[in-house]
Protein backbone atom coordinates (compact mmCIF):
# COMPACT_ATOMS: atom_id res chain seq x y z
CA MET A 1 -0.01 0.02 0.02
CA LYS A 2 1.17 3.53 -0.81
CA THR A 3 -0.12 6.45 1.16
CA VAL A 4 0.30 10.22 0.71
CA THR A 5 -1.18 13.10 2.67
CA CYS A 6 -1.25 16.69 1.32
CA THR A 7 -2.75 20.09 2.00
CA ALA A 8 -3.83 22.66 -0.60
CA PRO A 9 -4.77 26.29 -0.26
CA VAL A 10 -7.81 28.46 -0.96
CA ASN A 11 -7.32 31.06 -3.65
CA ILE A 12 -9.19 34.32 -4.01
CA ALA A 13 -9.66 35.85 -7.45
CA VAL A 14 -9.13 39.57 -7.96
CA ILE A 15 -10.05 39.21 -11.65
CA LYS A 16 -12.96 36.83 -11.53
CA TYR A 17 -13.79 33.69 -13.37
CA TRP A 18 -17.52 33.80 -14.12
CA GLY A 19 -18.91 31.88 -17.12
CA LYS A 20 -17.73 28.87 -19.27
CA ARG A 21 -17.31 28.38 -22.96
CA ASP A 22 -17.37 24.62 -22.43
CA GLU A 23 -19.27 23.08 -19.50
CA LYS A 24 -17.84 19.57 -19.77
CA LEU A 25 -14.19 20.54 -19.97
CA ILE A 26 -14.71 23.52 -17.64
CA LEU A 27 -13.16 26.09 -19.98
CA PRO A 28 -13.61 29.74 -18.89
CA LEU A 29 -14.84 32.61 -20.98
CA ASN A 30 -12.04 34.81 -19.66
CA ASP A 31 -8.67 34.80 -17.99
CA SER A 32 -8.59 35.24 -14.15
CA ILE A 33 -6.02 36.25 -11.65
CA SER A 34 -5.92 35.16 -7.97
CA PHE A 35 -3.96 35.26 -4.72
CA THR A 36 -3.30 32.04 -2.99
CA LEU A 37 -3.99 32.26 0.70
CA SER A 38 -1.88 30.80 3.56
CA GLN A 39 -2.56 27.19 4.44
CA ASP A 40 -1.81 27.94 8.14
CA GLU A 41 -5.41 29.29 8.53
CA MET A 42 -7.50 27.70 5.65
CA CYS A 43 -6.75 24.56 3.66
CA ALA A 44 -8.11 21.20 2.38
CA LYS A 45 -6.26 18.23 3.58
CA THR A 46 -6.50 14.90 1.69
CA THR A 47 -4.97 11.48 2.14
CA VAL A 48 -4.80 9.02 -0.69
CA SER A 49 -3.94 5.39 -0.43
CA ILE A 50 -3.59 2.91 -3.28
CA SER A 51 -3.25 -0.86 -2.98
CA PRO A 52 -3.52 -4.02 -5.09
CA LYS A 53 -5.49 -5.42 -2.15
CA PHE A 54 -8.34 -2.72 -2.34
CA SER A 55 -11.48 -4.20 -3.98
CA GLU A 56 -12.95 -0.85 -5.04
CA ASP A 57 -12.30 2.95 -5.11
CA GLN A 58 -13.81 4.63 -1.93
CA PHE A 59 -14.17 8.27 -0.79
CA TRP A 60 -14.85 10.06 2.42
CA LEU A 61 -15.37 13.83 2.66
CA ASN A 62 -15.53 15.62 6.11
CA ASP A 63 -16.14 12.29 7.99
CA LYS A 64 -18.92 11.05 5.66
CA LYS A 65 -18.61 8.37 3.00
CA GLU A 66 -19.52 9.79 -0.37
CA SER A 67 -20.15 8.32 -3.80
CA LEU A 68 -17.27 8.48 -6.28
CA GLU A 69 -19.70 8.60 -9.17
CA ASN A 70 -19.37 12.44 -9.33
CA PRO A 71 -18.21 12.90 -12.96
CA ARG A 72 -15.85 15.68 -11.96
CA ILE A 73 -14.07 13.44 -9.48
CA GLN A 74 -13.97 10.63 -12.04
CA ASN A 75 -12.50 12.95 -14.63
CA CYS A 76 -9.68 13.87 -12.34
CA LEU A 77 -9.01 10.24 -11.32
CA LYS A 78 -9.12 8.97 -14.90
CA GLU A 79 -6.65 11.65 -16.10
CA ILE A 80 -4.19 10.93 -13.31
CA ARG A 81 -4.32 7.19 -13.97
CA ARG A 82 -4.05 7.80 -17.67
CA ARG A 83 -0.84 9.73 -17.08
CA ALA A 84 0.46 7.09 -14.60
CA SER A 85 -0.11 4.39 -17.09
CA LYS A 86 2.31 6.03 -19.44
CA ARG A 87 5.08 6.23 -16.91
CA LYS A 88 8.18 4.15 -17.14
CA PHE A 89 8.61 2.08 -13.99
CA ASP A 90 11.64 0.14 -12.72
CA GLY A 91 9.76 -3.16 -12.82
CA LYS A 92 8.37 -2.83 -9.30
CA ASP A 93 4.64 -1.80 -9.06
CA GLU A 94 4.52 -1.42 -12.71
CA ASN A 95 0.77 -1.74 -12.71
CA VAL A 96 0.26 0.80 -9.94
CA TRP A 97 -2.05 2.84 -12.19
CA SER A 98 -4.59 -0.01 -12.00
CA TRP A 99 -4.79 -0.12 -8.21
CA HIS A 100 -7.87 0.94 -6.50
CA VAL A 101 -7.83 4.10 -4.42
CA HIS A 102 -9.10 5.24 -1.02
CA ILE A 103 -9.48 8.97 -0.61
CA CYS A 104 -10.29 10.84 2.63
CA SER A 105 -10.60 14.61 2.55
CA LYS A 106 -11.38 17.43 5.08
CA ASN A 107 -11.65 21.18 4.95
CA ASN A 108 -10.85 23.26 8.01
CA PHE A 109 -13.42 25.92 6.91
CA PRO A 110 -17.00 25.83 5.80
CA THR A 111 -17.80 23.94 2.51
CA ALA A 112 -20.01 25.53 -0.19
CA ALA A 113 -20.24 28.92 1.56
CA GLY A 114 -18.51 30.95 -0.98
CA LEU A 115 -15.07 30.45 0.64
CA ALA A 116 -13.43 28.53 -2.33
CA SER A 117 -13.75 25.20 -0.69
CA SER A 118 -14.10 23.33 -3.99
CA ALA A 119 -10.87 24.97 -5.26
CA ALA A 120 -8.86 23.88 -2.33
CA GLY A 121 -10.48 20.42 -2.29
CA TYR A 122 -9.99 19.51 -6.00
CA ALA A 123 -6.44 20.94 -5.96
CA CYS A 124 -5.58 18.87 -2.99
CA LEU A 125 -7.26 15.73 -4.46
CA VAL A 126 -5.33 16.04 -7.75
CA TYR A 127 -2.01 16.93 -6.12
CA ALA A 128 -2.27 13.97 -3.70
CA LEU A 129 -3.27 11.57 -6.52
CA GLY A 130 -0.31 12.90 -8.52
CA GLN A 131 1.98 12.18 -5.66
CA VAL A 132 0.78 8.66 -4.90
CA TYR A 133 0.64 7.49 -8.57
CA GLY A 134 4.03 9.24 -9.29
CA VAL A 135 2.62 11.60 -11.88
CA GLU A 136 4.83 14.60 -12.78
CA GLY A 137 4.11 17.71 -14.92
CA ASP A 138 1.50 20.45 -14.93
CA LEU A 139 -1.42 19.31 -12.75
CA SER A 140 -3.40 22.51 -13.27
CA PRO A 141 -5.44 21.12 -16.33
CA VAL A 142 -6.33 18.09 -14.26
CA ALA A 143 -7.50 20.14 -11.22
CA ARG A 144 -9.57 22.39 -13.69
CA GLN A 145 -11.68 19.41 -14.57
CA GLY A 146 -12.65 19.06 -10.92
CA SER A 147 -13.42 22.80 -10.25
CA GLY A 148 -12.29 25.62 -12.57
CA SER A 149 -10.73 27.68 -9.84
CA ALA A 150 -8.98 24.67 -8.46
CA CYS A 151 -6.33 25.01 -11.23
CA ARG A 152 -5.15 28.30 -9.54
CA SER A 153 -4.72 26.53 -6.17
CA VAL A 154 -1.94 24.31 -7.41
CA HIS A 155 0.38 27.30 -7.30
CA GLY A 156 1.32 29.82 -4.61
CA GLY A 157 1.44 33.68 -4.70
CA LEU A 158 -0.30 35.38 -7.57
CA VAL A 159 -1.66 33.15 -10.30
CA ARG A 160 -3.08 33.69 -13.79
CA TRP A 161 -5.46 31.09 -15.28
CA HIS A 162 -5.33 31.45 -19.07
CA LYS A 163 -8.64 30.77 -20.59
CA GLY A 164 -7.02 29.22 -23.68
CA GLU A 165 -8.23 28.98 -27.25
CA ASP A 166 -8.01 25.24 -28.07
CA ASP A 167 -11.28 23.29 -28.17
CA ASP A 168 -9.81 20.40 -26.11
CA GLY A 169 -8.66 22.80 -23.32
CA ALA A 170 -5.02 21.88 -23.68
CA ASP A 171 -3.92 25.51 -23.34
CA SER A 172 -6.30 26.38 -20.52
CA VAL A 173 -3.76 26.33 -17.68
CA ALA A 174 -2.82 28.17 -14.66
CA ARG A 175 0.65 29.78 -14.32
CA PRO A 176 2.27 31.59 -11.34
CA ILE A 177 3.01 35.22 -12.04
CA ALA A 178 4.51 36.48 -8.85
CA PRO A 179 5.70 34.88 -5.47
CA PRO A 180 3.72 35.09 -2.13
CA GLY A 181 5.85 38.04 -0.99
CA HIS A 182 5.48 40.13 -4.12
CA PHE A 183 3.46 42.76 -2.29
CA PRO A 184 5.52 42.76 1.01
CA ASP A 185 3.59 41.91 4.23
CA LEU A 186 0.24 41.76 2.54
CA GLN A 187 -2.53 40.77 5.00
CA VAL A 188 -5.89 39.32 4.27
CA ILE A 189 -9.00 39.67 6.40
CA ILE A 190 -12.09 37.58 5.54
CA CYS A 191 -15.39 38.73 6.85
CA VAL A 192 -17.64 35.70 7.16
CA VAL A 193 -21.18 36.95 6.79
CA SER A 194 -22.58 33.41 6.32
CA ALA A 195 -20.87 29.98 6.65
CA GLY A 196 -24.00 28.23 5.38
CA GLN A 197 -24.44 26.77 1.91
CA LYS A 198 -25.40 29.44 -0.62
CA LYS A 199 -28.85 29.34 -2.34
CA THR A 200 -27.41 29.27 -5.96
CA GLY A 201 -24.22 27.37 -6.60
CA SER A 202 -21.47 28.82 -8.72
CA THR A 203 -21.97 26.21 -11.47
CA GLU A 204 -25.68 26.99 -11.85
CA GLY A 205 -25.20 30.80 -11.41
CA MET A 206 -22.61 30.87 -14.21
CA ARG A 207 -24.85 28.93 -16.50
CA GLN A 208 -27.78 31.22 -15.85
CA THR A 209 -25.65 34.36 -16.33
CA VAL A 210 -24.17 33.24 -19.65
CA ALA A 211 -27.62 32.38 -20.98
CA SER A 212 -29.43 35.53 -20.07
CA SER A 213 -27.18 38.45 -19.09
CA SER A 214 -26.59 41.10 -21.76
CA LEU A 215 -24.19 42.84 -19.39
CA MET A 216 -22.08 39.68 -19.36
CA GLN A 217 -21.27 40.15 -23.14
CA HIS A 218 -20.04 43.67 -22.41
CA ARG A 219 -17.87 42.26 -19.51
CA ILE A 220 -16.29 39.64 -21.64
CA LYS A 221 -15.74 41.65 -24.87
CA VAL A 222 -15.01 45.18 -23.48
CA SER A 223 -14.31 45.35 -19.77
CA LEU A 224 -12.14 42.41 -19.11
CA PRO A 225 -9.52 42.41 -21.88
CA SER A 226 -8.22 45.89 -20.83
CA ARG A 227 -8.75 45.31 -17.11
CA ILE A 228 -6.58 42.10 -17.24
CA GLU A 229 -3.73 43.82 -18.92
CA SER A 230 -3.95 46.81 -16.41
CA MET A 231 -3.97 44.38 -13.59
CA MET A 232 -0.89 42.61 -14.93
CA LYS A 233 0.88 45.96 -15.28
CA ALA A 234 -0.10 47.00 -11.80
CA ILE A 235 1.22 43.66 -10.35
CA GLU A 236 4.51 43.93 -12.31
CA GLU A 237 5.03 47.53 -11.17
CA LYS A 238 3.79 46.83 -7.62
CA ASP A 239 1.33 49.59 -8.14
CA TRP A 240 -0.89 48.95 -5.08
CA PRO A 241 -3.45 51.86 -5.44
CA THR A 242 -4.21 50.79 -9.08
CA PHE A 243 -4.29 47.08 -7.96
CA CYS A 244 -6.91 48.00 -5.35
CA ASP A 245 -9.00 50.03 -7.75
CA LEU A 246 -9.09 47.16 -10.37
CA THR A 247 -9.92 44.49 -7.67
CA ILE A 248 -12.88 46.48 -6.47
CA ALA A 249 -14.11 47.17 -9.89
CA ASP A 250 -13.97 43.59 -11.09
CA SER A 251 -15.78 42.29 -7.89
CA ASN A 252 -18.51 44.94 -8.39
CA GLU A 253 -18.82 44.11 -12.09
CA MET A 254 -19.12 40.45 -11.44
CA HIS A 255 -21.98 40.88 -8.99
CA ALA A 256 -23.64 43.33 -11.40
CA VAL A 257 -23.83 40.62 -14.14
CA CYS A 258 -25.21 38.19 -11.48
CA LEU A 259 -27.96 40.76 -10.79
CA ASP A 260 -28.54 41.19 -14.55
CA THR A 261 -29.14 37.44 -14.72
CA SER A 262 -32.66 36.03 -15.13
CA PRO A 263 -33.61 35.09 -12.51
CA PRO A 264 -31.12 37.32 -10.47
CA CYS A 265 -28.26 35.52 -8.73
CA VAL A 266 -28.10 37.40 -5.45
CA TYR A 267 -24.92 36.53 -3.48
CA MET A 268 -24.24 39.69 -1.58
CA THR A 269 -26.37 40.69 1.48
CA ASP A 270 -27.03 44.00 3.24
CA THR A 271 -24.14 43.16 5.52
CA SER A 272 -21.86 42.47 2.50
CA HIS A 273 -22.78 45.88 1.20
CA ALA A 274 -22.16 47.51 4.53
CA VAL A 275 -18.54 46.06 4.64
CA ALA A 276 -17.95 47.31 1.09
CA SER A 277 -19.25 50.80 2.05
CA LEU A 278 -16.97 50.89 5.05
CA ILE A 279 -13.94 50.05 2.92
CA HIS A 280 -14.85 52.84 0.43
CA LYS A 281 -15.11 55.35 3.22
CA TYR A 282 -11.79 54.18 4.57
CA ASN A 283 -10.16 54.62 1.25
CA ASP A 284 -11.65 58.07 0.74
CA LEU A 285 -10.11 59.13 4.08
CA LYS A 286 -6.75 57.84 3.10
CA THR A 287 -7.01 59.69 -0.22
CA ASP A 288 -7.94 62.90 1.62
CA GLN A 289 -4.88 62.40 3.79
CA GLY A 290 -2.60 61.90 0.70
CA ASP A 291 -1.91 58.26 1.73
CA ILE A 292 -3.13 56.30 -1.27
CA ASN A 293 -0.40 53.61 -0.81
CA HIS A 294 -2.24 52.51 2.26
CA LYS A 295 -5.60 51.94 0.51
CA VAL A 296 -7.28 48.55 1.02
CA CYS A 297 -9.51 46.64 -1.32
CA TYR A 298 -12.38 44.12 -1.10
CA THR A 299 -13.51 41.39 -3.37
CA PHE A 300 -16.54 39.05 -3.15
CA ASP A 301 -16.69 35.56 -4.71
CA ALA A 302 -20.05 33.94 -5.33
CA GLY A 303 -21.20 34.37 -1.83
CA PRO A 304 -21.80 37.08 0.90
CA ASN A 305 -18.31 36.91 2.45
CA ALA A 306 -15.83 39.82 1.97
CA CYS A 307 -12.19 39.24 1.35
CA ILE A 308 -10.14 42.39 2.22
CA PHE A 309 -6.61 42.81 1.15
CA THR A 310 -4.62 45.28 3.28
CA PRO A 311 -0.91 46.33 3.49
CA GLY A 312 0.52 45.07 6.83
CA ALA A 313 1.29 48.70 7.82
CA VAL A 314 -2.52 49.50 8.19
CA ALA A 315 -3.87 45.92 8.99
CA LYS A 316 -3.68 46.92 12.67
CA GLU A 317 -6.12 49.70 12.19
CA VAL A 318 -8.33 47.96 9.47
CA LEU A 319 -8.96 45.04 11.84
CA PRO A 320 -10.16 47.25 14.81
CA LEU A 321 -12.16 49.28 12.30
CA LEU A 322 -14.06 46.18 11.41
CA LEU A 323 -14.42 45.19 15.00
CA GLN A 324 -15.90 48.55 15.82
CA ALA A 325 -18.31 48.54 12.88
CA PHE A 326 -19.18 44.82 13.28
CA PRO A 327 -18.81 43.88 16.91
CA PRO A 328 -19.28 40.20 17.96
CA PRO A 329 -22.37 39.10 19.70
CA PRO A 330 -22.11 39.12 23.47
CA ALA A 331 -21.77 35.38 23.70
CA GLN A 332 -18.70 35.32 21.49
CA THR A 333 -15.14 35.84 22.81
CA PRO A 334 -12.65 37.85 20.86
CA LYS A 335 -10.66 34.62 20.16
CA GLU A 336 -13.68 32.91 18.82
CA TYR A 337 -14.63 35.91 16.69
CA VAL A 338 -11.09 36.68 15.15
CA LYS A 339 -9.57 33.38 13.90
CA GLY A 340 -6.12 33.05 12.31
CA ILE A 341 -3.09 35.29 12.76
CA ALA A 342 -2.78 36.71 16.34
CA SER A 343 -2.49 40.45 16.32
CA GLN A 344 -2.70 43.35 18.68
CA PRO A 345 -5.11 45.98 17.07
CA ALA A 346 -4.12 49.59 17.39
CA PRO A 347 -6.40 52.07 19.06
CA LEU A 348 -8.77 53.71 16.56
CA SER A 349 -8.31 57.45 15.76
CA LYS A 350 -11.34 59.67 16.28
CA GLU A 351 -11.80 59.85 12.56
CA LEU A 352 -11.85 56.04 12.11
CA LYS A 353 -14.12 55.59 15.04
CA ARG A 354 -16.67 57.97 13.45
CA LEU A 355 -16.49 55.96 10.26
CA ALA A 356 -17.09 52.68 12.06
CA ASP A 357 -19.92 54.02 14.28
CA GLY A 358 -21.70 55.32 11.13
CA CYS A 359 -21.82 51.66 9.81
CA ALA A 360 -22.17 49.76 13.17
CA GLN A 361 -24.06 46.47 12.96
CA SER A 362 -23.54 44.28 15.96
CA GLY A 363 -23.73 40.51 15.39
CA LYS A 364 -24.00 40.68 11.60
CA LEU A 365 -20.75 38.92 11.05
CA GLN A 366 -20.21 35.36 12.24
CA TYR A 367 -16.52 35.70 12.55
CA LEU A 368 -13.32 37.09 10.87
CA ILE A 369 -10.37 35.16 9.56
CA HIS A 370 -6.99 37.02 9.57
CA THR A 371 -4.52 35.41 7.18
CA LYS A 372 -1.97 36.21 4.52
CA VAL A 373 -0.72 35.23 1.03
CA GLY A 374 0.77 31.74 0.88
CA ASP A 375 2.32 28.93 -1.07
CA GLY A 376 0.97 26.00 -3.11
CA PRO A 377 0.09 22.49 -2.13
CA ARG A 378 2.28 20.74 0.46
CA VAL A 379 3.17 17.07 1.14
CA LEU A 380 2.85 16.19 4.87
CA VAL A 381 5.60 13.60 5.79
CA ASP A 382 4.52 12.89 9.38
CA PRO A 383 2.54 9.62 9.43
CA ALA A 384 0.44 11.03 12.16
CA SER A 385 -1.02 13.53 9.81
CA SER A 386 -2.68 10.84 7.67
CA LEU A 387 -6.43 10.74 7.60
CA LEU A 388 -6.39 7.06 6.62
CA ASN A 389 -5.06 4.14 8.70
CA THR A 390 -1.86 3.17 6.97
CA THR A 391 -2.52 -0.58 7.60
CA THR A 392 -6.22 -0.86 6.59
CA GLY A 393 -6.63 2.11 4.34
CA LEU A 394 -9.82 3.15 6.23
CA PRO A 395 -10.41 6.46 7.87
CA ASN A 396 -8.87 7.11 11.29
CA THR A 397 -11.32 7.74 13.99
CA THR A 398 -9.66 10.98 15.19
CA ASP A 399 -7.56 13.68 13.59
CA GLY A 400 -6.15 16.28 15.94
CA ASP A 401 -4.75 18.57 13.26
CA MET A 402 -7.96 19.27 11.29
């Protein structure tokens, strides 16, 4: 039996992927650009075991046995096995590609809540399968067949997913464009408005938008080509103020096309809009003070939760600003409310306190996650990290790390 355990990160797009040109192959209508987030706070973890003694493929997700008939999982598994079958082996385990597989996966954050759980999950699945079957080369096209945005989670830092032109999707791949530290000491604060499953999933939402939104055509043909090039230039030149403006503009436009869909796909809530409004007021204040390099930006994926990118120099005032505007409910301790990186918030200035008090909504956020930009998938070498028993290939009853 061969066993490998891996973790893979969440990624948050600053130029959004929304809409496919091919549903089966998961080929996007446009390029997208994302930040990979640190796995110290948010990740998927997957253990894969293969053995000639296993009688069938089996899959467990978040402590529940699930069917492996999902066509997206099957596509990933078939492609990894196809690649493995073409490898040259040294005579030992030469038929490893034909062995059955046991897969056990967990997320340490809410699934299907607009927190990019499918991206981390499929990236982790494909990376772990690649490791256990000994498959080398670019795995982003394989991860893409599980979940489009998963192809970006096979790399760290800033990543660009190229939509490609080929009908078979061969050139629809993700490539790293800058390392995690490209924008020094960049911090990320995720405002979790809801950790519950969203009403309209991304796959169905995209399908409806492409079929019915006239604004979507303008986005694809007019807005995005120039915005993507402007974003690449801002990244290359480390032009943070422009980066912020473009990130906010693309998030707003994506949600505009969602509202232009019939029926409308409504992902943001009143609380989501309140968070966005607070960020705009904060940036206006920074601009008035001549401090545009300390602007912050928000982006919303297909869900109500805000992802805020902030330079480290101002993270210590952005976090208390959010806490002042969106204080936790009385029953929640500060440690329960702010997860992730431990930090000591700075006292708010009178100006910032006035901003926050003007937006105050107690108990409207479930919690905050304070994290940073991070690397790509990792292999965990400690046997204790395995989610599967290394003798039986069945799930362990406890897992202290996840």
